[in-house]
N, C-alpha and C. Protein backbone atom coordinates (compact mmCIF):
# COMPACT_ATOMS: atom_id res chain seq x y z
N MET A 1 29.85 101.18 82.04
CA MET A 1 29.88 102.25 81.07
C MET A 1 30.82 103.35 81.58
N PHE A 2 30.45 104.06 82.64
CA PHE A 2 31.34 105.06 83.22
C PHE A 2 31.96 104.47 84.47
N CYS A 3 33.17 104.86 84.75
CA CYS A 3 33.85 104.40 85.96
C CYS A 3 33.74 105.47 87.02
N LEU A 4 32.56 105.64 87.56
CA LEU A 4 32.34 106.64 88.59
C LEU A 4 32.64 106.05 89.96
N PRO A 5 33.18 106.85 90.86
CA PRO A 5 33.48 106.36 92.20
C PRO A 5 32.20 105.98 92.96
N GLU A 6 32.36 105.09 93.93
CA GLU A 6 31.21 104.71 94.75
C GLU A 6 30.89 105.78 95.78
N ASN A 7 31.88 106.54 96.20
CA ASN A 7 31.69 107.61 97.17
C ASN A 7 30.77 108.66 96.55
N PRO A 8 29.63 108.98 97.19
CA PRO A 8 28.67 109.93 96.59
C PRO A 8 29.27 111.31 96.32
N ALA A 9 30.08 111.83 97.24
CA ALA A 9 30.68 113.15 97.04
C ALA A 9 31.63 113.13 95.85
N GLN A 10 32.41 112.07 95.73
CA GLN A 10 33.34 111.96 94.60
C GLN A 10 32.60 111.78 93.29
N ARG A 11 31.49 111.05 93.33
CA ARG A 11 30.68 110.86 92.11
C ARG A 11 30.09 112.19 91.65
N ARG A 12 29.54 112.96 92.60
CA ARG A 12 28.99 114.28 92.24
C ARG A 12 30.09 115.19 91.71
N TYR A 13 31.25 115.13 92.33
CA TYR A 13 32.39 115.95 91.90
C TYR A 13 32.79 115.60 90.46
N ALA A 14 32.89 114.31 90.17
CA ALA A 14 33.27 113.87 88.82
C ALA A 14 32.23 114.32 87.78
N LEU A 15 30.96 114.17 88.11
CA LEU A 15 29.91 114.59 87.17
C LEU A 15 29.90 116.10 86.98
N ARG A 16 30.03 116.84 88.08
CA ARG A 16 30.04 118.31 87.97
C ARG A 16 31.25 118.81 87.19
N MET A 17 32.41 118.21 87.45
CA MET A 17 33.61 118.63 86.72
C MET A 17 33.50 118.27 85.24
N GLY A 18 32.90 117.13 84.95
CA GLY A 18 32.66 116.77 83.56
C GLY A 18 31.77 117.78 82.86
N LEU A 19 30.74 118.22 83.57
CA LEU A 19 29.84 119.24 83.01
C LEU A 19 30.57 120.55 82.79
N THR A 20 31.39 120.97 83.74
CA THR A 20 32.11 122.23 83.56
C THR A 20 33.11 122.12 82.40
N ALA A 21 33.74 120.96 82.25
CA ALA A 21 34.67 120.77 81.13
C ALA A 21 33.93 120.85 79.80
N LEU A 22 32.78 120.21 79.74
CA LEU A 22 31.96 120.26 78.52
C LEU A 22 31.52 121.69 78.21
N LEU A 23 31.08 122.42 79.24
CA LEU A 23 30.68 123.81 79.04
C LEU A 23 31.86 124.69 78.62
N CYS A 24 33.03 124.40 79.15
CA CYS A 24 34.22 125.18 78.78
C CYS A 24 34.52 125.01 77.29
N VAL A 25 34.47 123.78 76.81
CA VAL A 25 34.71 123.53 75.39
C VAL A 25 33.61 124.19 74.55
N LEU A 26 32.38 124.04 74.98
CA LEU A 26 31.25 124.63 74.24
C LEU A 26 31.35 126.15 74.20
N PHE A 27 31.57 126.78 75.36
CA PHE A 27 31.64 128.24 75.42
C PHE A 27 32.85 128.78 74.67
N SER A 28 33.96 128.05 74.74
CA SER A 28 35.16 128.47 73.98
C SER A 28 34.90 128.41 72.48
N SER A 29 34.21 127.37 72.05
CA SER A 29 33.88 127.23 70.63
C SER A 29 32.93 128.33 70.18
N VAL A 30 31.93 128.61 71.01
CA VAL A 30 30.97 129.68 70.67
C VAL A 30 31.70 131.02 70.58
N ALA A 31 32.55 131.32 71.56
CA ALA A 31 33.27 132.59 71.54
C ALA A 31 34.18 132.69 70.31
N ALA A 32 34.87 131.60 70.00
CA ALA A 32 35.75 131.62 68.82
C ALA A 32 34.95 131.87 67.55
N LEU A 33 33.79 131.23 67.43
CA LEU A 33 32.96 131.42 66.24
C LEU A 33 32.39 132.83 66.17
N VAL A 34 31.97 133.36 67.32
CA VAL A 34 31.42 134.72 67.34
C VAL A 34 32.49 135.71 66.90
N PHE A 35 33.71 135.58 67.42
CA PHE A 35 34.77 136.51 67.04
C PHE A 35 35.24 136.30 65.60
N ARG A 36 35.18 135.07 65.15
CA ARG A 36 35.62 134.81 63.77
C ARG A 36 34.63 135.36 62.74
N PHE A 37 33.34 135.16 63.02
CA PHE A 37 32.34 135.54 62.01
C PHE A 37 31.53 136.78 62.37
N GLY A 38 31.47 137.15 63.64
CA GLY A 38 30.62 138.26 64.04
C GLY A 38 31.35 139.56 64.28
N HIS A 39 32.63 139.49 64.65
CA HIS A 39 33.45 140.67 64.90
C HIS A 39 32.79 141.66 65.85
N PRO A 40 32.43 141.20 67.07
CA PRO A 40 31.78 142.13 68.01
C PRO A 40 32.76 143.19 68.51
N HIS A 41 32.21 144.30 68.94
CA HIS A 41 33.00 145.41 69.47
C HIS A 41 32.37 145.88 70.77
N GLY A 42 33.15 146.57 71.58
CA GLY A 42 32.64 147.16 72.81
C GLY A 42 32.23 146.14 73.85
N ILE A 43 31.16 146.45 74.56
CA ILE A 43 30.70 145.61 75.66
C ILE A 43 30.34 144.20 75.20
N PRO A 44 29.66 144.01 74.05
CA PRO A 44 29.40 142.64 73.61
C PRO A 44 30.69 141.82 73.42
N ALA A 45 31.74 142.45 72.94
CA ALA A 45 33.01 141.74 72.76
C ALA A 45 33.56 141.27 74.11
N TYR A 46 33.48 142.14 75.12
CA TYR A 46 33.94 141.76 76.45
C TYR A 46 33.11 140.61 77.02
N LEU A 47 31.80 140.69 76.85
CA LEU A 47 30.93 139.64 77.37
C LEU A 47 31.19 138.29 76.71
N VAL A 48 31.38 138.30 75.40
CA VAL A 48 31.68 137.04 74.70
C VAL A 48 33.05 136.52 75.10
N ALA A 49 34.01 137.42 75.29
CA ALA A 49 35.36 137.00 75.68
C ALA A 49 35.37 136.38 77.08
N ILE A 50 34.48 136.84 77.95
CA ILE A 50 34.40 136.31 79.32
C ILE A 50 33.69 134.96 79.35
N LEU A 51 32.86 134.68 78.38
CA LEU A 51 32.04 133.48 78.36
C LEU A 51 32.84 132.19 78.64
N PRO A 52 33.98 131.94 78.00
CA PRO A 52 34.70 130.68 78.28
C PRO A 52 35.27 130.60 79.70
N ALA A 53 35.42 131.73 80.37
CA ALA A 53 35.96 131.72 81.73
C ALA A 53 34.91 131.31 82.76
N LEU A 54 33.63 131.42 82.43
CA LEU A 54 32.57 131.10 83.39
C LEU A 54 32.62 129.65 83.86
N PRO A 55 32.76 128.66 82.95
CA PRO A 55 32.85 127.28 83.44
C PRO A 55 34.12 127.04 84.27
N ILE A 56 35.18 127.78 83.99
CA ILE A 56 36.40 127.64 84.78
C ILE A 56 36.14 128.10 86.20
N MET A 57 35.46 129.23 86.35
CA MET A 57 35.09 129.68 87.69
C MET A 57 34.13 128.68 88.34
N GLY A 58 33.26 128.10 87.53
CA GLY A 58 32.36 127.06 88.04
C GLY A 58 33.11 125.84 88.55
N ALA A 59 34.19 125.47 87.86
CA ALA A 59 34.99 124.32 88.31
C ALA A 59 35.64 124.60 89.66
N LEU A 60 36.02 125.83 89.89
CA LEU A 60 36.59 126.17 91.19
C LEU A 60 35.52 126.08 92.28
N VAL A 61 34.32 126.50 91.97
CA VAL A 61 33.20 126.38 92.92
C VAL A 61 32.89 124.91 93.17
N VAL A 62 32.88 124.11 92.11
CA VAL A 62 32.62 122.67 92.23
C VAL A 62 33.66 122.00 93.13
N THR A 63 34.91 122.41 93.01
CA THR A 63 35.96 121.85 93.85
C THR A 63 35.71 122.21 95.32
N GLY A 64 35.31 123.45 95.56
CA GLY A 64 34.95 123.85 96.92
C GLY A 64 33.76 123.08 97.46
N LEU A 65 32.77 122.84 96.60
CA LEU A 65 31.61 122.05 97.01
C LEU A 65 32.02 120.63 97.39
N TYR A 66 32.90 120.05 96.59
CA TYR A 66 33.37 118.70 96.90
C TYR A 66 34.04 118.67 98.27
N LEU A 67 34.92 119.64 98.53
CA LEU A 67 35.62 119.66 99.80
C LEU A 67 34.64 119.83 100.96
N ALA A 68 33.56 120.57 100.75
CA ALA A 68 32.55 120.74 101.80
C ALA A 68 31.70 119.48 101.98
N GLU A 69 31.45 118.74 100.89
CA GLU A 69 30.58 117.56 100.94
C GLU A 69 31.31 116.29 101.33
N GLU A 70 32.60 116.22 101.11
CA GLU A 70 33.36 114.99 101.37
C GLU A 70 33.38 114.69 102.87
N LYS A 71 32.82 113.53 103.23
CA LYS A 71 32.76 113.12 104.64
C LYS A 71 34.10 112.58 105.12
N ASP A 72 34.86 111.98 104.21
CA ASP A 72 36.16 111.40 104.56
C ASP A 72 37.21 112.51 104.57
N GLU A 73 37.62 112.92 105.75
CA GLU A 73 38.57 114.03 105.86
C GLU A 73 39.92 113.69 105.22
N PHE A 74 40.30 112.43 105.24
CA PHE A 74 41.56 112.03 104.63
C PHE A 74 41.52 112.27 103.12
N GLN A 75 40.42 111.88 102.47
CA GLN A 75 40.28 112.08 101.03
C GLN A 75 40.27 113.58 100.70
N ALA A 76 39.57 114.36 101.50
CA ALA A 76 39.54 115.81 101.27
C ALA A 76 40.95 116.39 101.43
N ASN A 77 41.66 115.91 102.44
CA ASN A 77 43.03 116.39 102.68
C ASN A 77 43.96 116.03 101.51
N LEU A 78 43.78 114.85 100.94
CA LEU A 78 44.59 114.47 99.78
C LEU A 78 44.39 115.46 98.63
N LEU A 79 43.12 115.83 98.39
CA LEU A 79 42.85 116.78 97.31
C LEU A 79 43.42 118.16 97.64
N VAL A 80 43.27 118.60 98.88
CA VAL A 80 43.81 119.90 99.27
C VAL A 80 45.32 119.93 99.06
N GLN A 81 46.02 118.88 99.47
CA GLN A 81 47.46 118.83 99.29
C GLN A 81 47.83 118.83 97.80
N SER A 82 47.05 118.11 97.00
CA SER A 82 47.30 118.08 95.56
C SER A 82 47.02 119.45 94.92
N LEU A 83 45.97 120.12 95.39
CA LEU A 83 45.68 121.47 94.90
C LEU A 83 46.81 122.43 95.25
N LEU A 84 47.33 122.30 96.47
CA LEU A 84 48.45 123.16 96.87
C LEU A 84 49.68 122.85 96.01
N GLY A 85 49.91 121.59 95.73
CA GLY A 85 51.03 121.23 94.84
C GLY A 85 50.83 121.82 93.46
N GLY A 86 49.59 121.74 92.95
CA GLY A 86 49.30 122.31 91.64
C GLY A 86 49.47 123.82 91.61
N MET A 87 49.02 124.49 92.68
CA MET A 87 49.19 125.95 92.75
C MET A 87 50.65 126.33 92.83
N GLY A 88 51.40 125.63 93.67
CA GLY A 88 52.82 125.94 93.81
C GLY A 88 53.58 125.74 92.52
N ALA A 89 53.32 124.61 91.85
CA ALA A 89 54.01 124.33 90.59
C ALA A 89 53.61 125.34 89.52
N THR A 90 52.33 125.73 89.49
CA THR A 90 51.87 126.71 88.51
C THR A 90 52.52 128.07 88.76
N LEU A 91 52.54 128.49 90.01
CA LEU A 91 53.18 129.76 90.34
C LEU A 91 54.67 129.73 90.00
N ALA A 92 55.33 128.64 90.33
CA ALA A 92 56.76 128.54 90.04
C ALA A 92 57.00 128.56 88.53
N ALA A 93 56.24 127.75 87.79
CA ALA A 93 56.45 127.65 86.34
C ALA A 93 56.16 128.97 85.64
N THR A 94 55.07 129.64 86.03
CA THR A 94 54.74 130.90 85.35
C THR A 94 55.71 132.01 85.74
N THR A 95 56.21 131.97 86.97
CA THR A 95 57.21 132.96 87.38
C THR A 95 58.51 132.75 86.60
N VAL A 96 58.96 131.52 86.52
CA VAL A 96 60.18 131.22 85.76
C VAL A 96 60.00 131.63 84.30
N TRP A 97 58.84 131.27 83.73
CA TRP A 97 58.59 131.61 82.32
C TRP A 97 58.57 133.13 82.14
N GLY A 98 57.98 133.85 83.07
CA GLY A 98 57.94 135.31 82.98
C GLY A 98 59.33 135.92 82.97
N TYR A 99 60.20 135.43 83.84
CA TYR A 99 61.57 135.93 83.83
C TYR A 99 62.30 135.55 82.54
N MET A 100 62.01 134.36 82.02
CA MET A 100 62.64 133.97 80.75
C MET A 100 62.13 134.86 79.61
N GLU A 101 60.85 135.25 79.67
CA GLU A 101 60.33 136.20 78.68
C GLU A 101 61.07 137.53 78.76
N ASP A 102 61.25 138.02 80.00
CA ASP A 102 61.89 139.32 80.20
C ASP A 102 63.36 139.32 79.81
N PHE A 103 64.08 138.26 80.17
CA PHE A 103 65.53 138.29 80.04
C PHE A 103 66.11 137.40 78.94
N ALA A 104 65.39 136.36 78.54
CA ALA A 104 65.96 135.43 77.57
C ALA A 104 65.18 135.39 76.26
N ASN A 105 64.20 136.28 76.12
CA ASN A 105 63.43 136.40 74.88
C ASN A 105 62.74 135.11 74.45
N VAL A 106 62.25 134.31 75.43
CA VAL A 106 61.45 133.15 75.04
C VAL A 106 60.08 133.65 74.60
N PRO A 107 59.34 132.86 73.83
CA PRO A 107 58.01 133.30 73.37
C PRO A 107 57.07 133.59 74.55
N HIS A 108 56.15 134.50 74.34
CA HIS A 108 55.17 134.87 75.36
C HIS A 108 54.26 133.68 75.67
N LEU A 109 53.99 133.46 76.95
CA LEU A 109 53.05 132.43 77.38
C LEU A 109 51.66 133.04 77.43
N ASN A 110 50.76 132.54 76.62
CA ASN A 110 49.39 133.00 76.61
C ASN A 110 48.74 132.60 77.94
N LEU A 111 48.15 133.55 78.64
CA LEU A 111 47.59 133.29 79.97
C LEU A 111 46.45 132.27 79.97
N VAL A 112 45.88 132.02 78.82
CA VAL A 112 44.82 131.02 78.73
C VAL A 112 45.35 129.63 79.13
N TRP A 113 46.64 129.41 79.07
CA TRP A 113 47.24 128.12 79.39
C TRP A 113 47.49 127.92 80.88
N VAL A 114 47.39 128.96 81.69
CA VAL A 114 47.69 128.84 83.12
C VAL A 114 46.72 127.86 83.79
N TYR A 115 45.45 127.96 83.52
CA TYR A 115 44.46 127.07 84.15
C TYR A 115 44.67 125.60 83.77
N PRO A 116 44.83 125.27 82.49
CA PRO A 116 45.12 123.86 82.18
C PRO A 116 46.42 123.37 82.83
N PHE A 117 47.44 124.23 82.85
CA PHE A 117 48.69 123.83 83.52
C PHE A 117 48.45 123.55 84.99
N PHE A 118 47.62 124.36 85.64
CA PHE A 118 47.30 124.12 87.05
C PHE A 118 46.75 122.72 87.25
N TRP A 119 45.76 122.32 86.44
CA TRP A 119 45.15 121.00 86.62
C TRP A 119 46.11 119.88 86.24
N ILE A 120 46.98 120.13 85.28
CA ILE A 120 48.02 119.13 84.96
C ILE A 120 48.93 118.94 86.17
N PHE A 121 49.35 120.04 86.78
CA PHE A 121 50.21 119.96 87.96
C PHE A 121 49.47 119.32 89.14
N VAL A 122 48.16 119.57 89.28
CA VAL A 122 47.38 118.91 90.33
C VAL A 122 47.39 117.40 90.08
N ALA A 123 47.15 117.01 88.83
CA ALA A 123 47.13 115.58 88.49
C ALA A 123 48.49 114.93 88.76
N LEU A 124 49.57 115.65 88.47
CA LEU A 124 50.90 115.12 88.75
C LEU A 124 51.19 115.07 90.25
N SER A 125 50.55 115.94 91.02
CA SER A 125 50.75 115.97 92.47
C SER A 125 50.04 114.83 93.18
N ILE A 126 48.94 114.35 92.63
CA ILE A 126 48.13 113.33 93.31
C ILE A 126 48.94 112.08 93.65
N PRO A 127 49.66 111.46 92.69
CA PRO A 127 50.42 110.27 93.08
C PRO A 127 51.55 110.57 94.06
N VAL A 128 52.13 111.75 93.98
CA VAL A 128 53.18 112.13 94.93
C VAL A 128 52.61 112.23 96.33
N VAL A 129 51.46 112.90 96.45
CA VAL A 129 50.81 113.04 97.76
C VAL A 129 50.39 111.67 98.29
N LYS A 130 49.79 110.84 97.44
CA LYS A 130 49.34 109.52 97.89
C LYS A 130 50.51 108.62 98.31
N SER A 131 51.66 108.78 97.64
CA SER A 131 52.80 107.94 97.97
C SER A 131 53.33 108.21 99.38
N ARG A 132 53.05 109.37 99.91
CA ARG A 132 53.48 109.70 101.26
C ARG A 132 52.74 108.90 102.31
N TYR A 133 51.60 108.29 101.95
CA TYR A 133 50.77 107.59 102.91
C TYR A 133 50.78 106.08 102.69
N ARG A 134 51.69 105.58 101.91
CA ARG A 134 51.75 104.12 101.68
C ARG A 134 52.68 103.45 102.62
């Protein structure tokens, strides 16, 4: 049914990340509906706007938990290197985009996209990092 890893730490990581992804979609949908139909103002508006970010912060905690729980240092190191690749690519891409916004009048990049771009870059980094050890 599910293709979960046999490694217990990796299995917990996959399940926890799946839960945070589900909560992110759920909280984003709730926030969008509240703002569309409820029109909150003041502190309630800030609290509802923060709601979708909570699972994202949870995913960062889950990643730290995985790194602490992973017994295989090589596997943990692969993820750390991939995370560094994702961070570097995200910083580079957003910096380049920012300068293009300032000087070349490209459309504004909504900051909500930075986190998904980070994980896309992490995913792209994984095969590059693994290829170094073949």
